[in-house]
């Protein structure tokens, strides 16, 4: 196994553990057992536990939540196409973590809990996470503006409020579904399309 594969193996194992337990409750021994790697190898590829936590959270949460990494097409022809691409991007992101969903009870809830730990340990990662939200907001605004200009949706709307509403549909659905089995992207699309119909030109 080459260096990159061993590092990826370590990161995946650590990510699973940080999902299952709070940061303070995860020991290096736990990481050794989960990854099958020695303490020396863990130190070589991941540094100390806090450094490993930083790198894992950045890769699997902060970078993953960057809208440019989630969506293959951020310049769609229509708002409807954008909604489909947006939901598809979230489904693809979830699919990347299938190996975790099978072993972590309610992985969506655990994922949200891990996000909340970011501020406590790494304010700079929290700032990056918020920057991702701002980029996503700006993208929604741009798509809505284009949809008004192309006469796909009505023009007498508050674009910023509508962009926030679309994002709130996602965050609300994510929170509600995290209390059960995880984000239902079929329901997410249904909710977004209902809102879309309300602002679509008739």
N, C-alpha and C. Protein backbone atom coordinates (compact mmCIF):
# COMPACT_ATOMS: atom_id res chain seq x y z
N UNK A 1 0.86 -1.20 0.00
CA UNK A 1 0.00 0.00 0.00
C UNK A 1 0.90 1.25 0.00
N UNK A 2 0.63 2.17 -0.93
CA UNK A 2 1.49 3.35 -1.02
C UNK A 2 1.14 4.38 0.06
N UNK A 3 1.96 5.41 0.11
CA UNK A 3 1.83 6.42 1.17
C UNK A 3 0.48 7.10 1.16
N UNK A 4 -0.02 7.47 -0.03
CA UNK A 4 -1.31 8.16 -0.11
C UNK A 4 -2.45 7.26 0.33
N UNK A 5 -2.38 5.97 -0.02
CA UNK A 5 -3.43 5.04 0.39
C UNK A 5 -3.43 4.83 1.89
N UNK A 6 -2.26 4.76 2.48
CA UNK A 6 -2.18 4.58 3.94
C UNK A 6 -2.70 5.83 4.66
N UNK A 7 -2.40 6.98 4.12
CA UNK A 7 -2.90 8.22 4.71
C UNK A 7 -4.42 8.28 4.61
N UNK A 8 -4.96 7.90 3.45
CA UNK A 8 -6.41 7.91 3.27
C UNK A 8 -7.08 6.90 4.20
N UNK A 9 -6.46 5.75 4.37
CA UNK A 9 -6.98 4.74 5.30
C UNK A 9 -7.04 5.30 6.71
N UNK A 10 -5.97 5.98 7.13
CA UNK A 10 -5.91 6.58 8.46
C UNK A 10 -6.99 7.64 8.61
N UNK A 11 -7.14 8.52 7.63
CA UNK A 11 -8.12 9.59 7.70
C UNK A 11 -9.54 9.04 7.79
N UNK A 12 -9.83 8.02 7.01
CA UNK A 12 -11.18 7.43 7.04
C UNK A 12 -11.46 6.79 8.40
N UNK A 13 -10.48 6.09 8.92
CA UNK A 13 -10.65 5.45 10.23
C UNK A 13 -10.86 6.50 11.31
N UNK A 14 -10.05 7.57 11.27
CA UNK A 14 -10.17 8.63 12.28
C UNK A 14 -11.50 9.36 12.14
N UNK A 15 -11.93 9.61 10.90
CA UNK A 15 -13.21 10.28 10.68
C UNK A 15 -14.36 9.47 11.29
N UNK A 16 -14.34 8.17 11.07
CA UNK A 16 -15.37 7.30 11.63
C UNK A 16 -15.38 7.41 13.16
N UNK A 17 -14.21 7.39 13.77
CA UNK A 17 -14.14 7.46 15.23
C UNK A 17 -14.61 8.82 15.75
N UNK A 18 -14.22 9.90 15.07
CA UNK A 18 -14.63 11.24 15.50
C UNK A 18 -16.14 11.44 15.32
N UNK A 19 -16.73 10.68 14.40
CA UNK A 19 -18.19 10.71 14.26
C UNK A 19 -18.85 9.95 15.41
N UNK A 20 -18.26 8.85 15.79
CA UNK A 20 -18.87 7.99 16.80
C UNK A 20 -18.73 8.54 18.21
N UNK A 21 -17.63 9.30 18.45
CA UNK A 21 -17.36 9.82 19.78
C UNK A 21 -16.95 11.28 19.70
N UNK A 22 -17.04 11.98 20.80
CA UNK A 22 -16.49 13.32 20.90
C UNK A 22 -14.97 13.25 20.79
N UNK A 23 -14.35 14.34 20.37
CA UNK A 23 -12.91 14.38 20.17
C UNK A 23 -12.16 13.89 21.41
N UNK A 24 -12.55 14.39 22.59
CA UNK A 24 -11.85 14.05 23.82
C UNK A 24 -11.93 12.56 24.16
N UNK A 25 -12.96 11.90 23.64
CA UNK A 25 -13.18 10.49 23.98
C UNK A 25 -12.45 9.53 23.04
N UNK A 26 -11.86 10.05 21.98
CA UNK A 26 -11.12 9.21 21.03
C UNK A 26 -9.65 9.18 21.45
N UNK A 27 -9.11 8.00 21.63
CA UNK A 27 -7.71 7.85 22.02
C UNK A 27 -6.87 7.41 20.82
N UNK A 28 -5.57 7.59 20.95
CA UNK A 28 -4.66 7.11 19.90
C UNK A 28 -4.79 5.58 19.78
N UNK A 29 -5.02 4.92 20.91
CA UNK A 29 -5.21 3.46 20.88
C UNK A 29 -6.43 3.09 20.04
N UNK A 30 -7.49 3.90 20.17
CA UNK A 30 -8.69 3.66 19.35
C UNK A 30 -8.35 3.78 17.86
N UNK A 31 -7.56 4.80 17.54
CA UNK A 31 -7.20 5.03 16.14
C UNK A 31 -6.30 3.91 15.63
N UNK A 32 -5.39 3.42 16.49
CA UNK A 32 -4.56 2.28 16.11
C UNK A 32 -5.42 1.08 15.78
N UNK A 33 -6.38 0.79 16.63
CA UNK A 33 -7.23 -0.39 16.44
C UNK A 33 -8.10 -0.25 15.20
N UNK A 34 -8.70 0.93 15.00
CA UNK A 34 -9.61 1.13 13.87
C UNK A 34 -8.87 1.14 12.54
N UNK A 35 -7.68 1.73 12.52
CA UNK A 35 -6.93 1.85 11.26
C UNK A 35 -6.03 0.65 10.98
N UNK A 36 -5.71 -0.10 12.05
CA UNK A 36 -4.77 -1.22 11.88
C UNK A 36 -3.34 -0.75 11.70
N UNK A 37 -3.07 0.50 12.09
CA UNK A 37 -1.74 1.08 11.93
C UNK A 37 -1.08 1.25 13.29
N UNK A 38 0.23 1.27 13.28
CA UNK A 38 0.98 1.46 14.53
C UNK A 38 0.94 2.93 14.93
N UNK A 39 1.27 3.18 16.19
CA UNK A 39 1.31 4.56 16.68
C UNK A 39 2.33 5.39 15.90
N UNK A 40 3.44 4.78 15.56
CA UNK A 40 4.46 5.49 14.78
C UNK A 40 3.96 5.88 13.40
N UNK A 41 3.21 4.98 12.77
CA UNK A 41 2.66 5.27 11.45
C UNK A 41 1.60 6.37 11.54
N UNK A 42 0.79 6.33 12.59
CA UNK A 42 -0.24 7.36 12.79
C UNK A 42 0.42 8.72 12.96
N UNK A 43 1.49 8.77 13.75
CA UNK A 43 2.21 10.04 13.95
C UNK A 43 2.84 10.51 12.64
N UNK A 44 3.35 9.59 11.86
CA UNK A 44 4.01 9.93 10.59
C UNK A 44 3.00 10.52 9.60
N UNK A 45 1.84 9.89 9.48
CA UNK A 45 0.85 10.32 8.48
C UNK A 45 -0.10 11.39 8.99
N UNK A 46 -0.33 11.44 10.31
CA UNK A 46 -1.34 12.36 10.81
C UNK A 46 -0.89 13.30 11.91
N UNK A 47 0.33 13.16 12.40
CA UNK A 47 0.79 14.00 13.50
C UNK A 47 0.13 13.59 14.80
N UNK A 48 -0.08 14.54 15.71
CA UNK A 48 -0.76 14.22 16.96
C UNK A 48 -2.28 14.17 16.72
N UNK A 49 -3.01 13.82 17.78
CA UNK A 49 -4.46 13.62 17.61
C UNK A 49 -5.16 14.90 17.17
N UNK A 50 -4.75 16.03 17.72
CA UNK A 50 -5.40 17.29 17.37
C UNK A 50 -5.11 17.66 15.91
N UNK A 51 -3.88 17.41 15.47
CA UNK A 51 -3.53 17.68 14.08
C UNK A 51 -4.29 16.77 13.14
N UNK A 52 -4.45 15.52 13.54
CA UNK A 52 -5.22 14.57 12.73
C UNK A 52 -6.67 14.99 12.65
N UNK A 53 -7.23 15.40 13.78
CA UNK A 53 -8.62 15.87 13.82
C UNK A 53 -8.80 17.06 12.86
N UNK A 54 -7.84 17.98 12.90
CA UNK A 54 -7.90 19.16 12.02
C UNK A 54 -7.95 18.74 10.56
N UNK A 55 -7.01 17.89 10.17
CA UNK A 55 -6.92 17.48 8.77
C UNK A 55 -8.15 16.69 8.32
N UNK A 56 -8.64 15.83 9.20
CA UNK A 56 -9.82 15.01 8.87
C UNK A 56 -11.06 15.88 8.71
N UNK A 57 -11.25 16.80 9.65
CA UNK A 57 -12.43 17.68 9.57
C UNK A 57 -12.35 18.57 8.34
N UNK A 58 -11.15 19.06 8.03
CA UNK A 58 -11.01 19.91 6.85
C UNK A 58 -11.35 19.14 5.58
N UNK A 59 -10.83 17.91 5.48
CA UNK A 59 -11.06 17.13 4.27
C UNK A 59 -12.50 16.66 4.14
N UNK A 60 -13.04 16.08 5.21
CA UNK A 60 -14.34 15.42 5.12
C UNK A 60 -15.53 16.32 5.40
N UNK A 61 -15.29 17.47 6.01
CA UNK A 61 -16.42 18.38 6.29
C UNK A 61 -16.25 19.71 5.57
N UNK A 62 -15.18 20.44 5.88
CA UNK A 62 -15.02 21.79 5.32
C UNK A 62 -14.90 21.75 3.80
N UNK A 63 -13.94 20.95 3.29
CA UNK A 63 -13.75 20.89 1.85
C UNK A 63 -14.94 20.24 1.14
N UNK A 64 -15.53 19.25 1.77
CA UNK A 64 -16.68 18.56 1.18
C UNK A 64 -17.87 19.50 1.07
N UNK A 65 -18.02 20.42 2.02
CA UNK A 65 -19.15 21.34 2.02
C UNK A 65 -18.94 22.55 1.10
N UNK A 66 -17.81 22.61 0.44
CA UNK A 66 -17.60 23.66 -0.55
C UNK A 66 -18.50 23.36 -1.75
N UNK A 67 -19.37 24.29 -2.10
CA UNK A 67 -20.36 24.07 -3.14
C UNK A 67 -19.71 23.68 -4.47
N UNK A 68 -18.51 24.17 -4.72
CA UNK A 68 -17.81 23.86 -5.97
C UNK A 68 -17.37 22.40 -6.01
N UNK A 69 -17.19 21.79 -4.84
CA UNK A 69 -16.83 20.37 -4.78
C UNK A 69 -18.06 19.48 -4.80
N UNK A 70 -19.20 20.03 -4.40
CA UNK A 70 -20.43 19.23 -4.35
C UNK A 70 -21.15 19.16 -5.68
N UNK A 71 -21.02 20.23 -6.48
CA UNK A 71 -21.79 20.31 -7.72
C UNK A 71 -20.87 20.31 -8.93
N UNK A 72 -21.23 19.49 -9.92
CA UNK A 72 -20.44 19.44 -11.15
C UNK A 72 -20.78 20.61 -12.06
N UNK A 73 -21.98 21.19 -11.89
CA UNK A 73 -22.42 22.29 -12.75
C UNK A 73 -22.95 23.43 -11.89
N UNK A 74 -22.16 24.46 -11.71
CA UNK A 74 -22.60 25.61 -10.91
C UNK A 74 -23.09 26.76 -11.80
N UNK A 75 -23.21 26.49 -13.10
CA UNK A 75 -23.73 27.49 -14.03
C UNK A 75 -24.85 26.87 -14.88
N UNK A 76 -25.93 26.44 -14.25
CA UNK A 76 -27.02 25.77 -14.98
C UNK A 76 -27.82 26.76 -15.84
N UNK A 77 -28.60 26.21 -16.76
CA UNK A 77 -29.41 27.04 -17.64
C UNK A 77 -30.62 27.62 -16.93
N UNK A 78 -31.11 26.94 -15.91
CA UNK A 78 -32.34 27.37 -15.25
C UNK A 78 -32.27 27.09 -13.75
N UNK A 79 -33.18 27.72 -13.00
CA UNK A 79 -33.28 27.46 -11.57
C UNK A 79 -33.69 26.02 -11.32
N UNK A 80 -34.59 25.51 -12.12
CA UNK A 80 -35.03 24.12 -11.98
C UNK A 80 -33.84 23.16 -12.14
N UNK A 81 -33.01 23.41 -13.16
CA UNK A 81 -31.83 22.57 -13.36
C UNK A 81 -30.86 22.70 -12.18
N UNK A 82 -30.76 23.91 -11.65
CA UNK A 82 -29.87 24.13 -10.52
C UNK A 82 -30.34 23.34 -9.30
N UNK A 83 -31.63 23.34 -9.05
CA UNK A 83 -32.18 22.58 -7.92
C UNK A 83 -31.86 21.10 -8.08
N UNK A 84 -32.05 20.58 -9.29
CA UNK A 84 -31.74 19.16 -9.53
C UNK A 84 -30.27 18.88 -9.31
N UNK A 85 -29.40 19.76 -9.80
CA UNK A 85 -27.96 19.59 -9.64
C UNK A 85 -27.54 19.71 -8.18
N UNK A 86 -28.17 20.63 -7.46
CA UNK A 86 -27.89 20.86 -6.05
C UNK A 86 -28.22 19.61 -5.23
N UNK A 87 -29.42 19.06 -5.44
CA UNK A 87 -29.84 17.87 -4.70
C UNK A 87 -28.96 16.68 -5.08
N UNK A 88 -28.67 16.56 -6.37
CA UNK A 88 -27.81 15.46 -6.84
C UNK A 88 -26.42 15.55 -6.21
N UNK A 89 -25.92 16.77 -6.08
CA UNK A 89 -24.61 16.96 -5.45
C UNK A 89 -24.59 16.51 -4.00
N UNK A 90 -25.67 16.80 -3.28
CA UNK A 90 -25.75 16.35 -1.89
C UNK A 90 -25.85 14.84 -1.81
N UNK A 91 -26.59 14.24 -2.74
CA UNK A 91 -26.71 12.79 -2.74
C UNK A 91 -25.35 12.15 -3.02
N UNK A 92 -24.59 12.71 -3.95
CA UNK A 92 -23.25 12.19 -4.24
C UNK A 92 -22.33 12.32 -3.03
N UNK A 93 -22.45 13.46 -2.32
CA UNK A 93 -21.64 13.66 -1.12
C UNK A 93 -21.97 12.60 -0.08
N UNK A 94 -23.26 12.33 0.10
CA UNK A 94 -23.66 11.29 1.05
C UNK A 94 -23.17 9.92 0.63
N UNK A 95 -23.19 9.65 -0.68
CA UNK A 95 -22.74 8.35 -1.18
C UNK A 95 -21.26 8.10 -0.87
N UNK A 96 -20.48 9.19 -0.81
CA UNK A 96 -19.06 9.05 -0.50
C UNK A 96 -18.83 8.46 0.88
N UNK A 97 -19.83 8.61 1.76
CA UNK A 97 -19.68 8.16 3.13
C UNK A 97 -20.49 6.90 3.43
N UNK A 98 -20.83 6.15 2.38
CA UNK A 98 -21.60 4.92 2.57
C UNK A 98 -20.91 3.96 3.52
N UNK A 99 -19.59 3.91 3.45
CA UNK A 99 -18.84 2.99 4.30
C UNK A 99 -18.99 3.35 5.76
N UNK A 100 -19.31 4.62 6.05
CA UNK A 100 -19.50 5.05 7.43
C UNK A 100 -20.95 4.82 7.86
N UNK A 101 -21.89 5.12 6.97
CA UNK A 101 -23.30 4.97 7.30
C UNK A 101 -23.63 3.55 7.76
N UNK A 102 -22.89 2.58 7.25
CA UNK A 102 -23.18 1.19 7.59
C UNK A 102 -22.68 0.82 8.98
N UNK A 103 -21.79 1.63 9.54
CA UNK A 103 -21.18 1.26 10.81
C UNK A 103 -21.40 2.28 11.93
N UNK A 104 -21.88 3.47 11.58
CA UNK A 104 -22.14 4.50 12.59
C UNK A 104 -23.64 4.70 12.72
N UNK A 105 -24.15 4.52 13.94
CA UNK A 105 -25.56 4.70 14.16
C UNK A 105 -25.95 6.16 13.92
N UNK A 106 -26.92 6.37 13.03
CA UNK A 106 -27.38 7.70 12.63
C UNK A 106 -26.20 8.61 12.29
N UNK A 107 -25.56 8.29 11.16
CA UNK A 107 -24.38 9.03 10.72
C UNK A 107 -24.67 10.51 10.49
N UNK A 108 -25.88 10.85 10.03
CA UNK A 108 -26.22 12.26 9.77
C UNK A 108 -26.18 13.08 11.05
N UNK A 109 -26.75 12.53 12.11
CA UNK A 109 -26.74 13.21 13.40
C UNK A 109 -25.31 13.34 13.92
N UNK A 110 -24.53 12.28 13.75
CA UNK A 110 -23.13 12.31 14.19
C UNK A 110 -22.34 13.34 13.40
N UNK A 111 -22.64 13.46 12.10
CA UNK A 111 -21.97 14.43 11.23
C UNK A 111 -22.24 15.85 11.71
N UNK A 112 -23.50 16.13 12.06
CA UNK A 112 -23.85 17.46 12.55
C UNK A 112 -23.19 17.74 13.89
N UNK A 113 -23.09 16.74 14.74
CA UNK A 113 -22.42 16.91 16.03
C UNK A 113 -20.95 17.25 15.83
N UNK A 114 -20.33 16.60 14.85
CA UNK A 114 -18.92 16.87 14.57
C UNK A 114 -18.72 18.30 14.07
N UNK A 115 -19.65 18.78 13.26
CA UNK A 115 -19.58 20.17 12.78
C UNK A 115 -19.57 21.14 13.96
N UNK A 116 -20.40 20.86 14.97
CA UNK A 116 -20.50 21.74 16.12
C UNK A 116 -19.20 21.77 16.95
N UNK A 117 -18.38 20.73 16.81
CA UNK A 117 -17.12 20.69 17.55
C UNK A 117 -16.04 21.58 16.91
N UNK A 118 -16.27 21.96 15.64
CA UNK A 118 -15.25 22.72 14.92
C UNK A 118 -14.89 24.01 15.65
N UNK A 119 -15.94 24.76 16.07
CA UNK A 119 -15.69 26.06 16.72
C UNK A 119 -14.85 25.90 17.98
N UNK A 120 -15.10 24.83 18.71
CA UNK A 120 -14.42 24.63 19.98
C UNK A 120 -12.92 24.45 19.78
N UNK A 121 -12.53 23.72 18.77
CA UNK A 121 -11.12 23.38 18.60
C UNK A 121 -10.39 24.24 17.56
N UNK A 122 -11.10 24.61 16.49
CA UNK A 122 -10.42 25.29 15.39
C UNK A 122 -11.28 26.41 14.82
N UNK A 123 -11.20 27.62 15.38
CA UNK A 123 -11.97 28.75 14.85
C UNK A 123 -11.70 29.02 13.38
N UNK A 124 -10.47 28.75 12.91
CA UNK A 124 -10.18 29.02 11.50
C UNK A 124 -10.95 28.08 10.58
N UNK A 125 -11.12 26.81 11.00
CA UNK A 125 -11.93 25.88 10.22
C UNK A 125 -13.40 26.32 10.23
N UNK A 126 -13.84 26.84 11.36
CA UNK A 126 -15.20 27.35 11.46
C UNK A 126 -15.39 28.51 10.49
N UNK A 127 -14.39 29.38 10.40
CA UNK A 127 -14.46 30.50 9.46
C UNK A 127 -14.52 29.99 8.02
N UNK A 128 -13.76 28.94 7.71
CA UNK A 128 -13.79 28.35 6.37
C UNK A 128 -15.17 27.78 6.07
N UNK A 129 -15.75 27.14 7.08
CA UNK A 129 -17.09 26.55 6.93
C UNK A 129 -18.11 27.65 6.64
N UNK A 130 -18.01 28.75 7.37
CA UNK A 130 -18.93 29.87 7.14
C UNK A 130 -18.70 30.50 5.77
N UNK A 131 -17.44 30.54 5.35
CA UNK A 131 -17.13 31.07 4.02
C UNK A 131 -17.79 30.22 2.94
N UNK A 132 -17.81 28.90 3.16
CA UNK A 132 -18.50 28.02 2.22
C UNK A 132 -19.99 28.35 2.13
N UNK A 133 -20.59 28.66 3.31
CA UNK A 133 -22.02 29.01 3.32
C UNK A 133 -22.25 30.31 2.53
N UNK A 134 -21.33 31.26 2.70
CA UNK A 134 -21.46 32.53 1.98
C UNK A 134 -21.32 32.34 0.48
N UNK A 135 -20.40 31.46 0.06
CA UNK A 135 -20.24 31.16 -1.37
C UNK A 135 -21.50 30.50 -1.92
N UNK A 136 -22.10 29.64 -1.13
CA UNK A 136 -23.33 28.98 -1.56
C UNK A 136 -24.47 29.98 -1.69
N UNK A 137 -24.54 30.89 -0.73
CA UNK A 137 -25.56 31.94 -0.77
C UNK A 137 -25.38 32.80 -2.03
N UNK A 138 -24.14 33.18 -2.32
CA UNK A 138 -23.86 34.00 -3.49
C UNK A 138 -24.26 33.27 -4.77
N UNK A 139 -24.05 31.96 -4.79
CA UNK A 139 -24.42 31.18 -5.98
C UNK A 139 -25.93 31.14 -6.16
N UNK A 140 -26.68 30.93 -5.08
CA UNK A 140 -28.14 30.97 -5.17
C UNK A 140 -28.61 32.32 -5.70
N UNK A 141 -28.03 33.39 -5.19
CA UNK A 141 -28.42 34.74 -5.63
C UNK A 141 -28.16 34.91 -7.13
N UNK A 142 -27.00 34.44 -7.58
CA UNK A 142 -26.65 34.57 -8.99
C UNK A 142 -27.62 33.77 -9.88
N UNK A 143 -27.95 32.57 -9.45
CA UNK A 143 -28.88 31.73 -10.22
C UNK A 143 -30.27 32.36 -10.25
N UNK A 144 -30.72 32.89 -9.12
CA UNK A 144 -32.03 33.53 -9.06
C UNK A 144 -32.08 34.77 -9.96
N UNK A 145 -31.01 35.56 -9.94
CA UNK A 145 -30.96 36.75 -10.78
C UNK A 145 -31.06 36.37 -12.26
N UNK A 146 -30.32 35.33 -12.64
CA UNK A 146 -30.36 34.85 -14.02
C UNK A 146 -31.77 34.34 -14.38
N UNK A 147 -32.41 33.68 -13.42
CA UNK A 147 -33.75 33.13 -13.68
C UNK A 147 -34.79 34.23 -13.83
N UNK A 148 -34.59 35.35 -13.13
CA UNK A 148 -35.48 36.50 -13.31
C UNK A 148 -35.26 37.10 -14.70
N UNK A 149 -34.01 37.26 -15.07
CA UNK A 149 -33.69 37.86 -16.38
C UNK A 149 -34.19 37.01 -17.54
N UNK A 150 -34.20 35.70 -17.36
CA UNK A 150 -34.67 34.80 -18.41
C UNK A 150 -36.18 34.56 -18.34
N UNK A 151 -36.82 35.22 -17.37
CA UNK A 151 -38.27 35.15 -17.17
C UNK A 151 -38.76 33.75 -16.81
N UNK A 152 -37.88 33.04 -16.11
CA UNK A 152 -38.28 31.73 -15.59
C UNK A 152 -39.09 31.89 -14.31
N UNK A 153 -38.68 32.87 -13.46
CA UNK A 153 -39.39 33.13 -12.21
C UNK A 153 -39.83 34.59 -12.18
N UNK A 154 -40.77 34.87 -11.30
CA UNK A 154 -41.32 36.22 -11.22
C UNK A 154 -40.26 37.21 -10.76
N UNK A 155 -40.40 38.47 -11.15
CA UNK A 155 -39.35 39.45 -10.86
C UNK A 155 -39.56 40.18 -9.54
N UNK A 156 -40.80 40.22 -9.04
CA UNK A 156 -41.06 40.99 -7.82
C UNK A 156 -40.84 40.13 -6.57
N UNK A 157 -39.59 39.66 -6.43
CA UNK A 157 -39.22 38.89 -5.25
C UNK A 157 -38.01 39.56 -4.61
N UNK A 158 -37.82 39.27 -3.33
CA UNK A 158 -36.60 39.69 -2.62
C UNK A 158 -35.58 38.57 -2.83
N UNK A 159 -34.62 38.80 -3.71
CA UNK A 159 -33.70 37.73 -4.10
C UNK A 159 -32.94 37.15 -2.92
N UNK A 160 -32.47 38.03 -2.03
CA UNK A 160 -31.70 37.55 -0.88
C UNK A 160 -32.57 36.69 0.03
N UNK A 161 -33.81 37.13 0.27
CA UNK A 161 -34.72 36.35 1.11
C UNK A 161 -35.04 35.01 0.48
N UNK A 162 -35.25 35.00 -0.83
CA UNK A 162 -35.58 33.74 -1.52
C UNK A 162 -34.38 32.79 -1.49
N UNK A 163 -33.18 33.34 -1.70
CA UNK A 163 -31.96 32.51 -1.62
C UNK A 163 -31.83 31.88 -0.24
N UNK A 164 -32.07 32.69 0.81
CA UNK A 164 -32.01 32.17 2.17
C UNK A 164 -33.07 31.09 2.40
N UNK A 165 -34.25 31.29 1.83
CA UNK A 165 -35.32 30.31 1.99
C UNK A 165 -34.95 28.96 1.37
N UNK A 166 -34.34 29.00 0.19
CA UNK A 166 -33.91 27.75 -0.43
C UNK A 166 -32.86 27.05 0.44
N UNK A 167 -31.91 27.82 0.96
CA UNK A 167 -30.90 27.23 1.82
C UNK A 167 -31.52 26.72 3.11
N UNK A 168 -32.49 27.44 3.64
CA UNK A 168 -33.15 27.01 4.88
C UNK A 168 -33.96 25.74 4.68
N UNK A 169 -34.47 25.54 3.47
CA UNK A 169 -35.15 24.27 3.19
C UNK A 169 -34.17 23.13 3.36
N UNK A 170 -32.96 23.31 2.83
CA UNK A 170 -31.95 22.27 2.97
C UNK A 170 -31.56 22.06 4.44
N UNK A 171 -31.24 23.16 5.14
CA UNK A 171 -30.79 23.02 6.52
C UNK A 171 -31.90 22.48 7.43
N UNK A 172 -33.11 22.92 7.19
CA UNK A 172 -34.23 22.41 7.98
C UNK A 172 -34.46 20.94 7.74
N UNK A 173 -34.45 20.53 6.47
CA UNK A 173 -34.63 19.12 6.14
C UNK A 173 -33.49 18.27 6.69
N UNK A 174 -32.28 18.81 6.61
CA UNK A 174 -31.12 18.09 7.13
C UNK A 174 -31.24 17.86 8.63
N UNK A 175 -31.68 18.91 9.35
CA UNK A 175 -31.81 18.78 10.80
C UNK A 175 -32.91 17.78 11.17
N UNK A 176 -34.06 17.92 10.54
CA UNK A 176 -35.17 17.01 10.85
C UNK A 176 -34.81 15.56 10.55
N UNK A 177 -34.16 15.35 9.40
CA UNK A 177 -33.81 13.99 9.01
C UNK A 177 -32.67 13.43 9.84
N UNK A 178 -31.84 14.32 10.41
CA UNK A 178 -30.74 13.84 11.24
C UNK A 178 -31.27 13.21 12.53
N UNK A 179 -32.52 13.53 12.87
CA UNK A 179 -33.13 12.96 14.08
C UNK A 179 -33.62 11.54 13.84
N UNK A 180 -33.62 11.13 12.57
CA UNK A 180 -34.07 9.77 12.26
C UNK A 180 -33.00 9.02 11.49
N UNK A 181 -33.18 8.90 10.17
CA UNK A 181 -32.30 8.04 9.39
C UNK A 181 -31.32 8.79 8.48
N UNK A 182 -31.30 10.10 8.50
CA UNK A 182 -30.40 10.84 7.64
C UNK A 182 -31.13 11.53 6.50
N UNK A 183 -30.46 12.46 5.85
CA UNK A 183 -31.08 13.31 4.84
C UNK A 183 -31.74 12.50 3.73
N UNK A 184 -33.03 12.78 3.53
CA UNK A 184 -33.81 12.18 2.44
C UNK A 184 -33.79 13.16 1.28
N UNK A 185 -32.96 12.89 0.28
CA UNK A 185 -32.81 13.85 -0.82
C UNK A 185 -34.03 13.89 -1.73
N UNK A 186 -34.83 12.82 -1.74
CA UNK A 186 -36.09 12.84 -2.51
C UNK A 186 -37.03 13.87 -1.90
N UNK A 187 -37.13 13.85 -0.58
CA UNK A 187 -37.99 14.82 0.11
C UNK A 187 -37.41 16.22 -0.02
N UNK A 188 -36.09 16.35 0.03
CA UNK A 188 -35.45 17.65 -0.14
C UNK A 188 -35.82 18.25 -1.49
N UNK A 189 -35.74 17.46 -2.54
CA UNK A 189 -36.09 17.95 -3.88
C UNK A 189 -37.56 18.33 -3.94
N UNK A 190 -38.42 17.52 -3.33
CA UNK A 190 -39.86 17.80 -3.32
C UNK A 190 -40.13 19.16 -2.68
N UNK A 191 -39.50 19.41 -1.53
CA UNK A 191 -39.72 20.68 -0.82
C UNK A 191 -39.23 21.86 -1.65
N UNK A 192 -38.06 21.70 -2.26
CA UNK A 192 -37.50 22.79 -3.06
C UNK A 192 -38.34 23.05 -4.32
N UNK A 193 -38.85 21.99 -4.93
CA UNK A 193 -39.64 22.16 -6.14
C UNK A 193 -40.99 22.81 -5.82
N UNK A 194 -41.54 22.55 -4.66
CA UNK A 194 -42.79 23.21 -4.26
C UNK A 194 -42.57 24.72 -4.12
N UNK A 195 -41.43 25.08 -3.54
CA UNK A 195 -41.12 26.51 -3.41
C UNK A 195 -40.85 27.12 -4.79
N UNK A 196 -40.19 26.36 -5.63
CA UNK A 196 -39.92 26.81 -6.99
C UNK A 196 -41.23 27.11 -7.73
N UNK A 197 -42.20 26.24 -7.58
CA UNK A 197 -43.49 26.43 -8.26
C UNK A 197 -44.16 27.73 -7.82
N UNK A 198 -43.93 28.11 -6.57
CA UNK A 198 -44.57 29.32 -6.02
C UNK A 198 -44.01 30.60 -6.64
N UNK A 199 -42.77 30.55 -7.15
CA UNK A 199 -42.16 31.75 -7.72
C UNK A 199 -41.98 31.64 -9.24
N UNK A 200 -42.40 30.53 -9.81
CA UNK A 200 -42.25 30.33 -11.25
C UNK A 200 -43.26 31.19 -12.02
N UNK A 201 -42.83 31.71 -13.16
CA UNK A 201 -43.74 32.46 -14.01
C UNK A 201 -44.80 31.50 -14.56
N UNK A 202 -46.05 31.94 -14.46
CA UNK A 202 -47.15 31.08 -14.94
C UNK A 202 -47.56 31.46 -16.34
